[in-house]
Amino acid sequence: MYVLFSSGSKQYLVSKGDVIAIEKIDKLIGTTIKISHILMYCKNNICKFGNPYIKNISIIAKIINHSRNKKIKIVKFIRRKHYRRNYGHRQWFTQIKIIDILL
Protein backbone atom coordinates (compact mmCIF):
# COMPACT_ATOMS: atom_id res chain seq x y z
CA MET A 1 0.00 0.00 0.00
CA TYR A 2 1.37 3.41 -0.92
CA VAL A 3 0.10 6.97 -1.09
CA LEU A 4 1.03 10.06 -3.10
CA PHE A 5 0.56 13.33 -1.20
CA SER A 6 1.50 16.97 -1.70
CA SER A 7 3.21 19.22 0.81
CA GLY A 8 4.85 22.56 0.13
CA SER A 9 4.12 22.41 -3.63
CA LYS A 10 6.02 19.11 -3.93
CA GLN A 11 4.70 15.56 -4.22
CA TYR A 12 5.91 12.55 -2.22
CA LEU A 13 5.27 8.82 -2.70
CA VAL A 14 5.26 7.04 0.68
CA SER A 15 4.17 3.87 2.40
CA LYS A 16 3.79 2.99 6.07
CA GLY A 17 7.07 3.22 8.02
CA ASP A 18 8.93 5.46 5.54
CA VAL A 19 11.12 8.33 6.75
CA ILE A 20 11.21 11.29 4.35
CA ALA A 21 12.36 14.91 4.31
CA ILE A 22 9.75 17.52 3.38
CA GLU A 23 9.77 21.30 3.48
CA LYS A 24 9.86 22.80 6.97
CA ILE A 25 6.75 22.53 9.13
CA ASP A 26 6.54 24.82 12.16
CA LYS A 27 5.72 22.17 14.77
CA LEU A 28 7.77 20.79 17.65
CA ILE A 29 9.84 17.61 17.37
CA GLY A 30 7.85 14.57 18.51
CA THR A 31 4.41 15.90 17.61
CA THR A 32 2.15 14.01 15.23
CA ILE A 33 0.66 15.68 12.18
CA LYS A 34 -2.24 14.76 9.93
CA ILE A 35 -1.77 15.18 6.18
CA SER A 36 -4.98 15.26 4.17
CA HIS A 37 -3.76 16.41 0.73
CA ILE A 38 -3.79 12.90 -0.77
CA LEU A 39 -3.50 12.76 -4.56
CA MET A 40 -3.37 9.00 -5.14
CA TYR A 41 -3.87 5.82 -3.12
CA CYS A 42 -2.90 2.30 -4.25
CA LYS A 43 -3.48 -1.05 -2.56
CA ASN A 44 -3.16 -4.49 -4.24
CA ASN A 45 -2.75 -2.89 -7.71
CA ILE A 46 -6.05 -1.03 -7.35
CA CYS A 47 -5.52 2.73 -7.45
CA LYS A 48 -7.77 5.67 -6.60
CA PHE A 49 -7.05 9.14 -7.95
CA GLY A 50 -8.30 12.39 -6.46
CA ASN A 51 -9.79 15.36 -8.24
CA PRO A 52 -7.60 17.09 -6.95
CA TYR A 53 -7.62 15.34 -3.54
CA ILE A 54 -9.17 12.17 -2.13
CA LYS A 55 -11.52 13.11 0.71
CA ASN A 56 -11.64 10.14 3.11
CA ILE A 57 -7.92 9.23 3.29
CA SER A 58 -5.29 10.85 5.49
CA ILE A 59 -1.76 10.18 6.72
CA ILE A 60 -0.58 10.27 10.34
CA ALA A 61 3.11 11.21 10.60
CA LYS A 62 5.51 11.99 13.45
CA ILE A 63 8.07 14.80 13.25
CA ILE A 64 11.56 13.43 13.88
CA ASN A 65 13.97 16.27 13.14
CA HIS A 66 14.40 19.81 11.77
CA SER A 67 17.61 20.47 9.86
CA ARG A 68 19.11 22.20 6.84
CA ASN A 69 20.23 20.86 3.45
CA LYS A 70 23.68 21.22 1.92
CA LYS A 71 24.65 24.71 0.83
CA ILE A 72 23.74 25.70 -2.71
CA LYS A 73 26.15 28.21 -4.20
CA ILE A 74 24.81 30.99 -6.41
CA VAL A 75 27.40 32.75 -8.58
CA LYS A 76 26.69 35.89 -10.60
CA PHE A 77 29.38 36.85 -13.05
CA ILE A 78 29.70 39.34 -15.93
CA ARG A 79 32.90 39.02 -17.90
CA ARG A 80 35.14 42.02 -18.59
CA LYS A 81 33.10 44.20 -16.19
CA HIS A 82 34.74 43.15 -12.90
CA TYR A 83 31.37 41.98 -11.53
CA ARG A 84 31.36 38.89 -9.33
CA ARG A 85 28.87 37.95 -6.62
CA ASN A 86 28.83 34.76 -4.56
CA TYR A 87 25.80 33.81 -2.52
CA GLY A 88 24.89 30.68 -0.60
CA HIS A 89 21.59 29.24 0.57
CA ARG A 90 20.69 26.40 2.92
CA GLN A 91 17.04 25.31 2.81
CA TRP A 92 15.30 24.13 6.00
CA PHE A 93 13.58 20.74 5.95
CA THR A 94 11.61 18.56 8.35
CA GLN A 95 12.15 14.81 8.64
CA ILE A 96 8.94 12.87 9.25
CA LYS A 97 8.10 9.21 9.77
CA ILE A 98 4.87 7.84 8.31
CA ILE A 99 3.08 6.09 11.19
CA ASP A 100 -0.23 5.13 9.60
CA ILE A 101 -2.45 5.61 6.56
CA LEU A 102 -6.08 6.08 7.59
CA LEU A 103 -8.88 5.06 5.22
PDB file of N, CA and C in Angstrom:
ATOM      1  N   MET A   1       0.843  -1.167   0.000  1.00  0.00           N
ATOM      2  CA  MET A   1       0.000   0.000   0.000  1.00  0.00           C
ATOM      3  C   MET A   1       0.891   1.234   0.000  1.00  0.00           C
ATOM      4  N   TYR A   2       0.629   2.167  -0.900  1.00  0.00           N
ATOM      5  CA  TYR A   2       1.366   3.412  -0.924  1.00  0.00           C
ATOM      6  C   TYR A   2       0.443   4.559  -1.290  1.00  0.00           C
ATOM      7  N   VAL A   3       0.905   5.766  -0.950  1.00  0.00           N
ATOM      8  CA  VAL A   3       0.098   6.969  -1.091  1.00  0.00           C
ATOM      9  C   VAL A   3       0.963   8.075  -1.691  1.00  0.00           C
ATOM     10  N   LEU A   4       0.379   8.877  -2.560  1.00  0.00           N
ATOM     11  CA  LEU A   4       1.034  10.059  -3.101  1.00  0.00           C
ATOM     12  C   LEU A   4       0.357  11.278  -2.501  1.00  0.00           C
ATOM     13  N   PHE A   5       1.142  12.140  -1.812  1.00  0.00           N
ATOM     14  CA  PHE A   5       0.562  13.331  -1.204  1.00  0.00           C
ATOM     15  C   PHE A   5       1.382  14.556  -1.583  1.00  0.00           C
ATOM     16  N   SER A   6       0.796  15.725  -1.390  1.00  0.00           N
ATOM     17  CA  SER A   6       1.495  16.973  -1.696  1.00  0.00           C
ATOM     18  C   SER A   6       1.692  17.767  -0.415  1.00  0.00           C
ATOM     19  N   SER A   7       2.875  18.377  -0.320  1.00  0.00           N
ATOM     20  CA  SER A   7       3.209  19.220   0.815  1.00  0.00           C
ATOM     21  C   SER A   7       4.228  20.243   0.353  1.00  0.00           C
ATOM     22  N   GLY A   8       3.921  21.521   0.525  1.00  0.00           N
ATOM     23  CA  GLY A   8       4.853  22.564   0.133  1.00  0.00           C
ATOM     24  C   GLY A   8       5.105  22.612  -1.355  1.00  0.00           C
ATOM     25  N   SER A   9       4.085  22.408  -2.164  1.00  0.00           N
ATOM     26  CA  SER A   9       4.116  22.406  -3.635  1.00  0.00           C
ATOM     27  C   SER A   9       5.019  21.322  -4.216  1.00  0.00           C
ATOM     28  N   LYS A  10       5.291  20.276  -3.441  1.00  0.00           N
ATOM     29  CA  LYS A  10       6.019  19.111  -3.929  1.00  0.00           C
ATOM     30  C   LYS A  10       5.182  17.868  -3.649  1.00  0.00           C
ATOM     31  N   GLN A  11       5.452  16.796  -4.389  1.00  0.00           N
ATOM     32  CA  GLN A  11       4.701  15.558  -4.220  1.00  0.00           C
ATOM     33  C   GLN A  11       5.631  14.459  -3.735  1.00  0.00           C
ATOM     34  N   TYR A  12       5.117  13.612  -2.830  1.00  0.00           N
ATOM     35  CA  TYR A  12       5.908  12.551  -2.220  1.00  0.00           C
ATOM     36  C   TYR A  12       5.133  11.237  -2.288  1.00  0.00           C
ATOM     37  N   LEU A  13       5.836  10.154  -2.637  1.00  0.00           N
ATOM     38  CA  LEU A  13       5.266   8.818  -2.699  1.00  0.00           C
ATOM     39  C   LEU A  13       5.774   8.049  -1.485  1.00  0.00           C
ATOM     40  N   VAL A  14       4.863   7.662  -0.576  1.00  0.00           N
ATOM     41  CA  VAL A  14       5.264   7.039   0.682  1.00  0.00           C
ATOM     42  C   VAL A  14       4.416   5.810   0.964  1.00  0.00           C
ATOM     43  N   SER A  15       4.932   4.981   1.845  1.00  0.00           N
ATOM     44  CA  SER A  15       4.166   3.871   2.398  1.00  0.00           C
ATOM     45  C   SER A  15       4.382   3.901   3.911  1.00  0.00           C
ATOM     46  N   LYS A  16       3.725   3.002   4.613  1.00  0.00           N
ATOM     47  CA  LYS A  16       3.785   2.988   6.072  1.00  0.00           C
ATOM     48  C   LYS A  16       5.206   2.652   6.535  1.00  0.00           C
ATOM     49  N   GLY A  17       5.746   3.450   7.471  1.00  0.00           N
ATOM     50  CA  GLY A  17       7.071   3.219   8.024  1.00  0.00           C
ATOM     51  C   GLY A  17       8.186   3.987   7.334  1.00  0.00           C
ATOM     52  N   ASP A  18       7.894   4.705   6.248  1.00  0.00           N
ATOM     53  CA  ASP A  18       8.928   5.459   5.544  1.00  0.00           C
ATOM     54  C   ASP A  18       9.342   6.696   6.337  1.00  0.00           C
ATOM     55  N   VAL A  19      10.601   7.087   6.187  1.00  0.00           N
ATOM     56  CA  VAL A  19      11.120   8.329   6.751  1.00  0.00           C
ATOM     57  C   VAL A  19      11.535   9.207   5.582  1.00  0.00           C
ATOM     58  N   ILE A  20      10.914  10.393   5.469  1.00  0.00           N
ATOM     59  CA  ILE A  20      11.206  11.285   4.349  1.00  0.00           C
ATOM     60  C   ILE A  20      11.491  12.690   4.869  1.00  0.00           C
ATOM     61  N   ALA A  21      12.083  13.504   4.003  1.00  0.00           N
ATOM     62  CA  ALA A  21      12.360  14.910   4.310  1.00  0.00           C
ATOM     63  C   ALA A  21      11.454  15.777   3.438  1.00  0.00           C
ATOM     64  N   ILE A  22      10.641  16.602   4.093  1.00  0.00           N
ATOM     65  CA  ILE A  22       9.749  17.516   3.383  1.00  0.00           C
ATOM     66  C   ILE A  22      10.127  18.941   3.763  1.00  0.00           C
ATOM     67  N   GLU A  23       9.489  19.920   3.137  1.00  0.00           N
ATOM     68  CA  GLU A  23       9.770  21.304   3.478  1.00  0.00           C
ATOM     69  C   GLU A  23       9.351  21.584   4.913  1.00  0.00           C
ATOM     70  N   LYS A  24       9.977  22.572   5.526  1.00  0.00           N
ATOM     71  CA  LYS A  24       9.856  22.803   6.965  1.00  0.00           C
ATOM     72  C   LYS A  24       8.415  23.047   7.395  1.00  0.00           C
ATOM     73  N   ILE A  25       8.041  22.367   8.479  1.00  0.00           N
ATOM     74  CA  ILE A  25       6.751  22.532   9.128  1.00  0.00           C
ATOM     75  C   ILE A  25       7.021  23.117  10.508  1.00  0.00           C
ATOM     76  N   ASP A  26       6.302  24.162  10.876  1.00  0.00           N
ATOM     77  CA  ASP A  26       6.538  24.824  12.156  1.00  0.00           C
ATOM     78  C   ASP A  26       5.794  24.126  13.290  1.00  0.00           C
ATOM     79  N   LYS A  27       6.234  22.935  13.630  1.00  0.00           N
ATOM     80  CA  LYS A  27       5.723  22.171  14.766  1.00  0.00           C
ATOM     81  C   LYS A  27       6.914  21.661  15.557  1.00  0.00           C
ATOM     82  N   LEU A  28       6.692  21.288  16.798  1.00  0.00           N
ATOM     83  CA  LEU A  28       7.766  20.788  17.650  1.00  0.00           C
ATOM     84  C   LEU A  28       8.129  19.348  17.291  1.00  0.00           C
ATOM     85  N   ILE A  29       9.374  18.972  17.603  1.00  0.00           N
ATOM     86  CA  ILE A  29       9.836  17.606  17.369  1.00  0.00           C
ATOM     87  C   ILE A  29       9.071  16.661  18.288  1.00  0.00           C
ATOM     88  N   GLY A  30       8.595  15.559  17.740  1.00  0.00           N
ATOM     89  CA  GLY A  30       7.850  14.572  18.510  1.00  0.00           C
ATOM     90  C   GLY A  30       6.346  14.685  18.364  1.00  0.00           C
ATOM     91  N   THR A  31       5.850  15.766  17.792  1.00  0.00           N
ATOM     92  CA  THR A  31       4.406  15.896  17.611  1.00  0.00           C
ATOM     93  C   THR A  31       3.952  15.110  16.385  1.00  0.00           C
ATOM     94  N   THR A  32       2.705  14.720  16.383  1.00  0.00           N
ATOM     95  CA  THR A  32       2.151  14.009  15.234  1.00  0.00           C
ATOM     96  C   THR A  32       1.339  14.996  14.402  1.00  0.00           C
ATOM     97  N   ILE A  33       1.404  14.819  13.096  1.00  0.00           N
ATOM     98  CA  ILE A  33       0.661  15.677  12.182  1.00  0.00           C
ATOM     99  C   ILE A  33      -0.243  14.818  11.313  1.00  0.00           C
ATOM    100  N   LYS A  34      -1.299  15.439  10.809  1.00  0.00           N
ATOM    101  CA  LYS A  34      -2.238  14.756   9.932  1.00  0.00           C
ATOM    102  C   LYS A  34      -2.181  15.429   8.565  1.00  0.00           C
ATOM    103  N   ILE A  35      -1.870  14.659   7.541  1.00  0.00           N
ATOM    104  CA  ILE A  35      -1.770  15.175   6.181  1.00  0.00           C
ATOM    105  C   ILE A  35      -2.984  14.690   5.404  1.00  0.00           C
ATOM    106  N   SER A  36      -3.744  15.642   4.861  1.00  0.00           N
ATOM    107  CA  SER A  36      -4.978  15.258   4.173  1.00  0.00           C
ATOM    108  C   SER A  36      -4.971  15.602   2.682  1.00  0.00           C
ATOM    109  N   HIS A  37      -3.849  16.079   2.157  1.00  0.00           N
ATOM    110  CA  HIS A  37      -3.755  16.407   0.733  1.00  0.00           C
ATOM    111  C   HIS A  37      -3.273  15.175  -0.040  1.00  0.00           C
ATOM    112  N   ILE A  38      -4.129  14.167  -0.122  1.00  0.00           N
ATOM    113  CA  ILE A  38      -3.792  12.899  -0.770  1.00  0.00           C
ATOM    114  C   ILE A  38      -4.197  12.972  -2.236  1.00  0.00           C
ATOM    115  N   LEU A  39      -3.240  12.712  -3.119  1.00  0.00           N
ATOM    116  CA  LEU A  39      -3.503  12.765  -4.555  1.00  0.00           C
ATOM    117  C   LEU A  39      -3.824  11.399  -5.147  1.00  0.00           C
ATOM    118  N   MET A  40      -3.179  10.329  -4.599  1.00  0.00           N
ATOM    119  CA  MET A  40      -3.371   8.995  -5.145  1.00  0.00           C
ATOM    120  C   MET A  40      -3.192   7.977  -4.024  1.00  0.00           C
ATOM    121  N   TYR A  41      -3.952   6.894  -4.103  1.00  0.00           N
ATOM    122  CA  TYR A  41      -3.873   5.819  -3.120  1.00  0.00           C
ATOM    123  C   TYR A  41      -3.909   4.487  -3.865  1.00  0.00           C
ATOM    124  N   CYS A  42      -2.945   3.601  -3.591  1.00  0.00           N
ATOM    125  CA  CYS A  42      -2.904   2.295  -4.249  1.00  0.00           C
ATOM    126  C   CYS A  42      -2.766   1.183  -3.227  1.00  0.00           C
ATOM    127  N   LYS A  43      -3.554   0.136  -3.401  1.00  0.00           N
ATOM    128  CA  LYS A  43      -3.476  -1.052  -2.557  1.00  0.00           C
ATOM    129  C   LYS A  43      -3.838  -2.246  -3.425  1.00  0.00           C
ATOM    130  N   ASN A  44      -2.952  -3.264  -3.459  1.00  0.00           N
ATOM    131  CA  ASN A  44      -3.155  -4.489  -4.244  1.00  0.00           C
ATOM    132  C   ASN A  44      -3.433  -4.188  -5.721  1.00  0.00           C
ATOM    133  N   ASN A  45      -2.647  -3.282  -6.309  1.00  0.00           N
ATOM    134  CA  ASN A  45      -2.748  -2.889  -7.713  1.00  0.00           C
ATOM    135  C   ASN A  45      -4.088  -2.257  -8.090  1.00  0.00           C
ATOM    136  N   ILE A  46      -4.819  -1.781  -7.112  1.00  0.00           N
ATOM    137  CA  ILE A  46      -6.052  -1.029  -7.349  1.00  0.00           C
ATOM    138  C   ILE A  46      -5.792   0.395  -6.866  1.00  0.00           C
ATOM    139  N   CYS A  47      -5.878   1.358  -7.779  1.00  0.00           N
ATOM    140  CA  CYS A  47      -5.516   2.735  -7.454  1.00  0.00           C
ATOM    141  C   CYS A  47      -6.736   3.640  -7.514  1.00  0.00           C
ATOM    142  N   LYS A  48      -6.767   4.621  -6.596  1.00  0.00           N
ATOM    143  CA  LYS A  48      -7.772   5.675  -6.599  1.00  0.00           C
ATOM    144  C   LYS A  48      -7.056   6.995  -6.809  1.00  0.00           C
ATOM    145  N   PHE A  49      -7.626   7.842  -7.657  1.00  0.00           N
ATOM    146  CA  PHE A  49      -7.053   9.141  -7.945  1.00  0.00           C
ATOM    147  C   PHE A  49      -8.013  10.219  -7.491  1.00  0.00           C
ATOM    148  N   GLY A  50      -7.476  11.293  -6.926  1.00  0.00           N
ATOM    149  CA  GLY A  50      -8.300  12.395  -6.461  1.00  0.00           C
ATOM    150  C   GLY A  50      -8.511  13.440  -7.537  1.00  0.00           C
ATOM    151  N   ASN A  51      -9.490  14.295  -7.291  1.00  0.00           N
ATOM    152  CA  ASN A  51      -9.787  15.359  -8.239  1.00  0.00           C
ATOM    153  C   ASN A  51     -10.002  16.665  -7.476  1.00  0.00           C
ATOM    154  N   PRO A  52      -9.024  17.387  -6.972  1.00  0.00           N
ATOM    155  CA  PRO A  52      -7.603  17.091  -6.949  1.00  0.00           C
ATOM    156  C   PRO A  52      -7.184  16.204  -5.777  1.00  0.00           C
ATOM    157  N   TYR A  53      -7.996  16.136  -4.707  1.00  0.00           N
ATOM    158  CA  TYR A  53      -7.618  15.337  -3.537  1.00  0.00           C
ATOM    159  C   TYR A  53      -8.675  14.267  -3.260  1.00  0.00           C
ATOM    160  N   ILE A  54      -8.247  13.198  -2.583  1.00  0.00           N
ATOM    161  CA  ILE A  54      -9.166  12.169  -2.126  1.00  0.00           C
ATOM    162  C   ILE A  54      -9.648  12.592  -0.740  1.00  0.00           C
ATOM    163  N   LYS A  55     -10.953  12.515  -0.496  1.00  0.00           N
ATOM    164  CA  LYS A  55     -11.516  13.106   0.705  1.00  0.00           C
ATOM    165  C   LYS A  55     -11.350  12.260   1.963  1.00  0.00           C
ATOM    166  N   ASN A  56     -11.536  10.949   1.898  1.00  0.00           N
ATOM    167  CA  ASN A  56     -11.635  10.139   3.112  1.00  0.00           C
ATOM    168  C   ASN A  56     -10.338   9.449   3.516  1.00  0.00           C
ATOM    169  N   ILE A  57      -9.202   9.846   2.969  1.00  0.00           N
ATOM    170  CA  ILE A  57      -7.923   9.227   3.294  1.00  0.00           C
ATOM    171  C   ILE A  57      -6.995  10.288   3.861  1.00  0.00           C
ATOM    172  N   SER A  58      -6.266   9.934   4.920  1.00  0.00           N
ATOM    173  CA  SER A  58      -5.288  10.853   5.492  1.00  0.00           C
ATOM    174  C   SER A  58      -4.088  10.067   5.998  1.00  0.00           C
ATOM    175  N   ILE A  59      -3.003  10.779   6.252  1.00  0.00           N
ATOM    176  CA  ILE A  59      -1.755  10.183   6.724  1.00  0.00           C
ATOM    177  C   ILE A  59      -1.440  10.737   8.103  1.00  0.00           C
ATOM    178  N   ILE A  60      -1.062   9.861   9.022  1.00  0.00           N
ATOM    179  CA  ILE A  60      -0.580  10.267  10.337  1.00  0.00           C
ATOM    180  C   ILE A  60       0.937  10.124  10.324  1.00  0.00           C
ATOM    181  N   ALA A  61       1.653  11.214  10.629  1.00  0.00           N
ATOM    182  CA  ALA A  61       3.109  11.213  10.604  1.00  0.00           C
ATOM    183  C   ALA A  61       3.642  11.848  11.879  1.00  0.00           C
ATOM    184  N   LYS A  62       4.861  11.462  12.252  1.00  0.00           N
ATOM    185  CA  LYS A  62       5.513  11.993  13.450  1.00  0.00           C
ATOM    186  C   LYS A  62       6.745  12.773  13.013  1.00  0.00           C
ATOM    187  N   ILE A  63       6.921  13.969  13.586  1.00  0.00           N
ATOM    188  CA  ILE A  63       8.071  14.804  13.252  1.00  0.00           C
ATOM    189  C   ILE A  63       9.282  14.292  14.022  1.00  0.00           C
ATOM    190  N   ILE A  64      10.351  13.981  13.283  1.00  0.00           N
ATOM    191  CA  ILE A  64      11.560  13.430  13.877  1.00  0.00           C
ATOM    192  C   ILE A  64      12.618  14.501  14.101  1.00  0.00           C
ATOM    193  N   ASN A  65      12.827  15.364  13.088  1.00  0.00           N
ATOM    194  CA  ASN A  65      13.966  16.270  13.142  1.00  0.00           C
ATOM    195  C   ASN A  65      13.713  17.480  12.256  1.00  0.00           C
ATOM    196  N   HIS A  66      14.311  18.620  12.627  1.00  0.00           N
ATOM    197  CA  HIS A  66      14.398  19.806  11.774  1.00  0.00           C
ATOM    198  C   HIS A  66      15.872  20.031  11.480  1.00  0.00           C
ATOM    199  N   SER A  67      16.206  20.262  10.216  1.00  0.00           N
ATOM    200  CA  SER A  67      17.606  20.467   9.862  1.00  0.00           C
ATOM    201  C   SER A  67      17.680  21.289   8.582  1.00  0.00           C
ATOM    202  N   ARG A  68      18.909  21.442   8.062  1.00  0.00           N
ATOM    203  CA  ARG A  68      19.113  22.201   6.841  1.00  0.00           C
ATOM    204  C   ARG A  68      19.865  21.349   5.819  1.00  0.00           C
ATOM    205  N   ASN A  69      19.570  21.567   4.539  1.00  0.00           N
ATOM    206  CA  ASN A  69      20.233  20.855   3.452  1.00  0.00           C
ATOM    207  C   ASN A  69      21.646  21.370   3.246  1.00  0.00           C
ATOM    208  N   LYS A  70      22.364  20.740   2.302  1.00  0.00           N
ATOM    209  CA  LYS A  70      23.681  21.222   1.920  1.00  0.00           C
ATOM    210  C   LYS A  70      23.573  22.604   1.292  1.00  0.00           C
ATOM    211  N   LYS A  71      24.655  23.358   1.366  1.00  0.00           N
ATOM    212  CA  LYS A  71      24.648  24.709   0.832  1.00  0.00           C
ATOM    213  C   LYS A  71      24.655  24.687  -0.695  1.00  0.00           C
ATOM    214  N   ILE A  72      23.784  25.500  -1.269  1.00  0.00           N
ATOM    215  CA  ILE A  72      23.736  25.702  -2.709  1.00  0.00           C
ATOM    216  C   ILE A  72      24.438  27.020  -2.990  1.00  0.00           C
ATOM    217  N   LYS A  73      25.409  26.998  -3.880  1.00  0.00           N
ATOM    218  CA  LYS A  73      26.154  28.209  -4.199  1.00  0.00           C
ATOM    219  C   LYS A  73      25.553  28.871  -5.427  1.00  0.00           C
ATOM    220  N   ILE A  74      25.324  30.188  -5.321  1.00  0.00           N
ATOM    221  CA  ILE A  74      24.807  30.987  -6.411  1.00  0.00           C
ATOM    222  C   ILE A  74      25.917  31.942  -6.818  1.00  0.00           C
ATOM    223  N   VAL A  75      26.319  31.910  -8.081  1.00  0.00           N
ATOM    224  CA  VAL A  75      27.401  32.753  -8.576  1.00  0.00           C
ATOM    225  C   VAL A  75      26.855  33.630  -9.692  1.00  0.00           C
ATOM    226  N   LYS A  76      27.033  34.942  -9.547  1.00  0.00           N
ATOM    227  CA  LYS A  76      26.689  35.890 -10.603  1.00  0.00           C
ATOM    228  C   LYS A  76      27.993  36.455 -11.147  1.00  0.00           C
ATOM    229  N   PHE A  77      28.121  36.465 -12.449  1.00  0.00           N
ATOM    230  CA  PHE A  77      29.384  36.852 -13.053  1.00  0.00           C
ATOM    231  C   PHE A  77      29.124  37.513 -14.400  1.00  0.00           C
ATOM    232  N   ILE A  78      29.734  38.685 -14.627  1.00  0.00           N
ATOM    233  CA  ILE A  78      29.701  39.340 -15.930  1.00  0.00           C
ATOM    234  C   ILE A  78      31.149  39.546 -16.366  1.00  0.00           C
ATOM    235  N   ARG A  79      31.511  38.955 -17.479  1.00  0.00           N
ATOM    236  CA  ARG A  79      32.901  39.015 -17.902  1.00  0.00           C
ATOM    237  C   ARG A  79      33.275  40.424 -18.373  1.00  0.00           C
ATOM    238  N   ARG A  80      34.522  40.749 -18.193  1.00  0.00           N
ATOM    239  CA  ARG A  80      35.141  42.020 -18.590  1.00  0.00           C
ATOM    240  C   ARG A  80      34.554  43.235 -17.899  1.00  0.00           C
ATOM    241  N   LYS A  81      33.700  43.060 -16.892  1.00  0.00           N
ATOM    242  CA  LYS A  81      33.097  44.203 -16.188  1.00  0.00           C
ATOM    243  C   LYS A  81      33.490  44.229 -14.716  1.00  0.00           C
ATOM    244  N   HIS A  82      34.296  43.275 -14.288  1.00  0.00           N
ATOM    245  CA  HIS A  82      34.739  43.152 -12.895  1.00  0.00           C
ATOM    246  C   HIS A  82      33.537  43.026 -11.939  1.00  0.00           C
ATOM    247  N   TYR A  83      32.569  42.207 -12.346  1.00  0.00           N
ATOM    248  CA  TYR A  83      31.373  41.984 -11.530  1.00  0.00           C
ATOM    249  C   TYR A  83      31.321  40.510 -11.140  1.00  0.00           C
ATOM    250  N   ARG A  84      31.456  40.246  -9.862  1.00  0.00           N
ATOM    251  CA  ARG A  84      31.357  38.886  -9.329  1.00  0.00           C
ATOM    252  C   ARG A  84      30.599  38.936  -8.014  1.00  0.00           C
ATOM    253  N   ARG A  85      29.615  38.071  -7.870  1.00  0.00           N
ATOM    254  CA  ARG A  85      28.866  37.954  -6.615  1.00  0.00           C
ATOM    255  C   ARG A  85      28.719  36.479  -6.284  1.00  0.00           C
ATOM    256  N   ASN A  86      28.999  36.130  -5.043  1.00  0.00           N
ATOM    257  CA  ASN A  86      28.833  34.763  -4.560  1.00  0.00           C
ATOM    258  C   ASN A  86      27.823  34.769  -3.423  1.00  0.00           C
ATOM    259  N   TYR A  87      26.808  33.966  -3.555  1.00  0.00           N
ATOM    260  CA  TYR A  87      25.802  33.811  -2.522  1.00  0.00           C
ATOM    261  C   TYR A  87      25.687  32.338  -2.171  1.00  0.00           C
ATOM    262  N   GLY A  88      25.162  32.050  -1.002  1.00  0.00           N
ATOM    263  CA  GLY A  88      24.894  30.682  -0.602  1.00  0.00           C
ATOM    264  C   GLY A  88      23.533  30.602   0.052  1.00  0.00           C
ATOM    265  N   HIS A  89      22.916  29.425  -0.033  1.00  0.00           N
ATOM    266  CA  HIS A  89      21.590  29.241   0.567  1.00  0.00           C
ATOM    267  C   HIS A  89      21.477  27.824   1.112  1.00  0.00           C
ATOM    268  N   ARG A  90      20.969  27.704   2.335  1.00  0.00           N
ATOM    269  CA  ARG A  90      20.688  26.398   2.925  1.00  0.00           C
ATOM    270  C   ARG A  90      19.207  26.343   3.275  1.00  0.00           C
ATOM    271  N   GLN A  91      18.490  25.428   2.635  1.00  0.00           N
ATOM    272  CA  GLN A  91      17.043  25.308   2.809  1.00  0.00           C
ATOM    273  C   GLN A  91      16.728  24.460   4.037  1.00  0.00           C
ATOM    274  N   TRP A  92      15.773  24.906   4.851  1.00  0.00           N
ATOM    275  CA  TRP A  92      15.304  24.134   5.995  1.00  0.00           C
ATOM    276  C   TRP A  92      14.428  22.985   5.517  1.00  0.00           C
ATOM    277  N   PHE A  93      14.481  21.854   6.232  1.00  0.00           N
ATOM    278  CA  PHE A  93      13.580  20.743   5.951  1.00  0.00           C
ATOM    279  C   PHE A  93      13.178  20.081   7.263  1.00  0.00           C
ATOM    280  N   THR A  94      12.111  19.302   7.211  1.00  0.00           N
ATOM    281  CA  THR A  94      11.605  18.556   8.354  1.00  0.00           C
ATOM    282  C   THR A  94      11.599  17.080   7.987  1.00  0.00           C
ATOM    283  N   GLN A  95      12.158  16.257   8.854  1.00  0.00           N
ATOM    284  CA  GLN A  95      12.145  14.813   8.643  1.00  0.00           C
ATOM    285  C   GLN A  95      10.938  14.239   9.372  1.00  0.00           C
ATOM    286  N   ILE A  96      10.119  13.476   8.638  1.00  0.00           N
ATOM    287  CA  ILE A  96       8.941  12.869   9.247  1.00  0.00           C
ATOM    288  C   ILE A  96       8.954  11.364   9.009  1.00  0.00           C
ATOM    289  N   LYS A  97       8.277  10.647   9.911  1.00  0.00           N
ATOM    290  CA  LYS A  97       8.103   9.210   9.767  1.00  0.00           C
ATOM    291  C   LYS A  97       6.608   8.942   9.612  1.00  0.00           C
ATOM    292  N   ILE A  98       6.268   8.178   8.580  1.00  0.00           N
ATOM    293  CA  ILE A  98       4.867   7.843   8.313  1.00  0.00           C
ATOM    294  C   ILE A  98       4.451   6.744   9.289  1.00  0.00           C
ATOM    295  N   ILE A  99       3.522   7.064  10.181  1.00  0.00           N
ATOM    296  CA  ILE A  99       3.077   6.087  11.189  1.00  0.00           C
ATOM    297  C   ILE A  99       1.932   5.241  10.646  1.00  0.00           C
ATOM    298  N   ASP A 100       0.942   5.871  10.037  1.00  0.00           N
ATOM    299  CA  ASP A 100      -0.234   5.130   9.600  1.00  0.00           C
ATOM    300  C   ASP A 100      -0.908   5.835   8.443  1.00  0.00           C
ATOM    301  N   ILE A 101      -1.636   5.079   7.635  1.00  0.00           N
ATOM    302  CA  ILE A 101      -2.452   5.607   6.562  1.00  0.00           C
ATOM    303  C   ILE A 101      -3.892   5.259   6.900  1.00  0.00           C
ATOM    304  N   LEU A 102      -4.699   6.285   7.151  1.00  0.00           N
ATOM    305  CA  LEU A 102      -6.078   6.081   7.585  1.00  0.00           C
ATOM    306  C   LEU A 102      -7.016   6.132   6.389  1.00  0.00           C
ATOM    307  N   LEU A 103      -7.904   5.124   6.299  1.00  0.00           N
ATOM    308  CA  LEU A 103      -8.884   5.063   5.218  1.00  0.00           C
ATOM    309  C   LEU A 103     -10.233   5.558   5.696  1.00  0.00           C
TER     310      LEU A 103
END
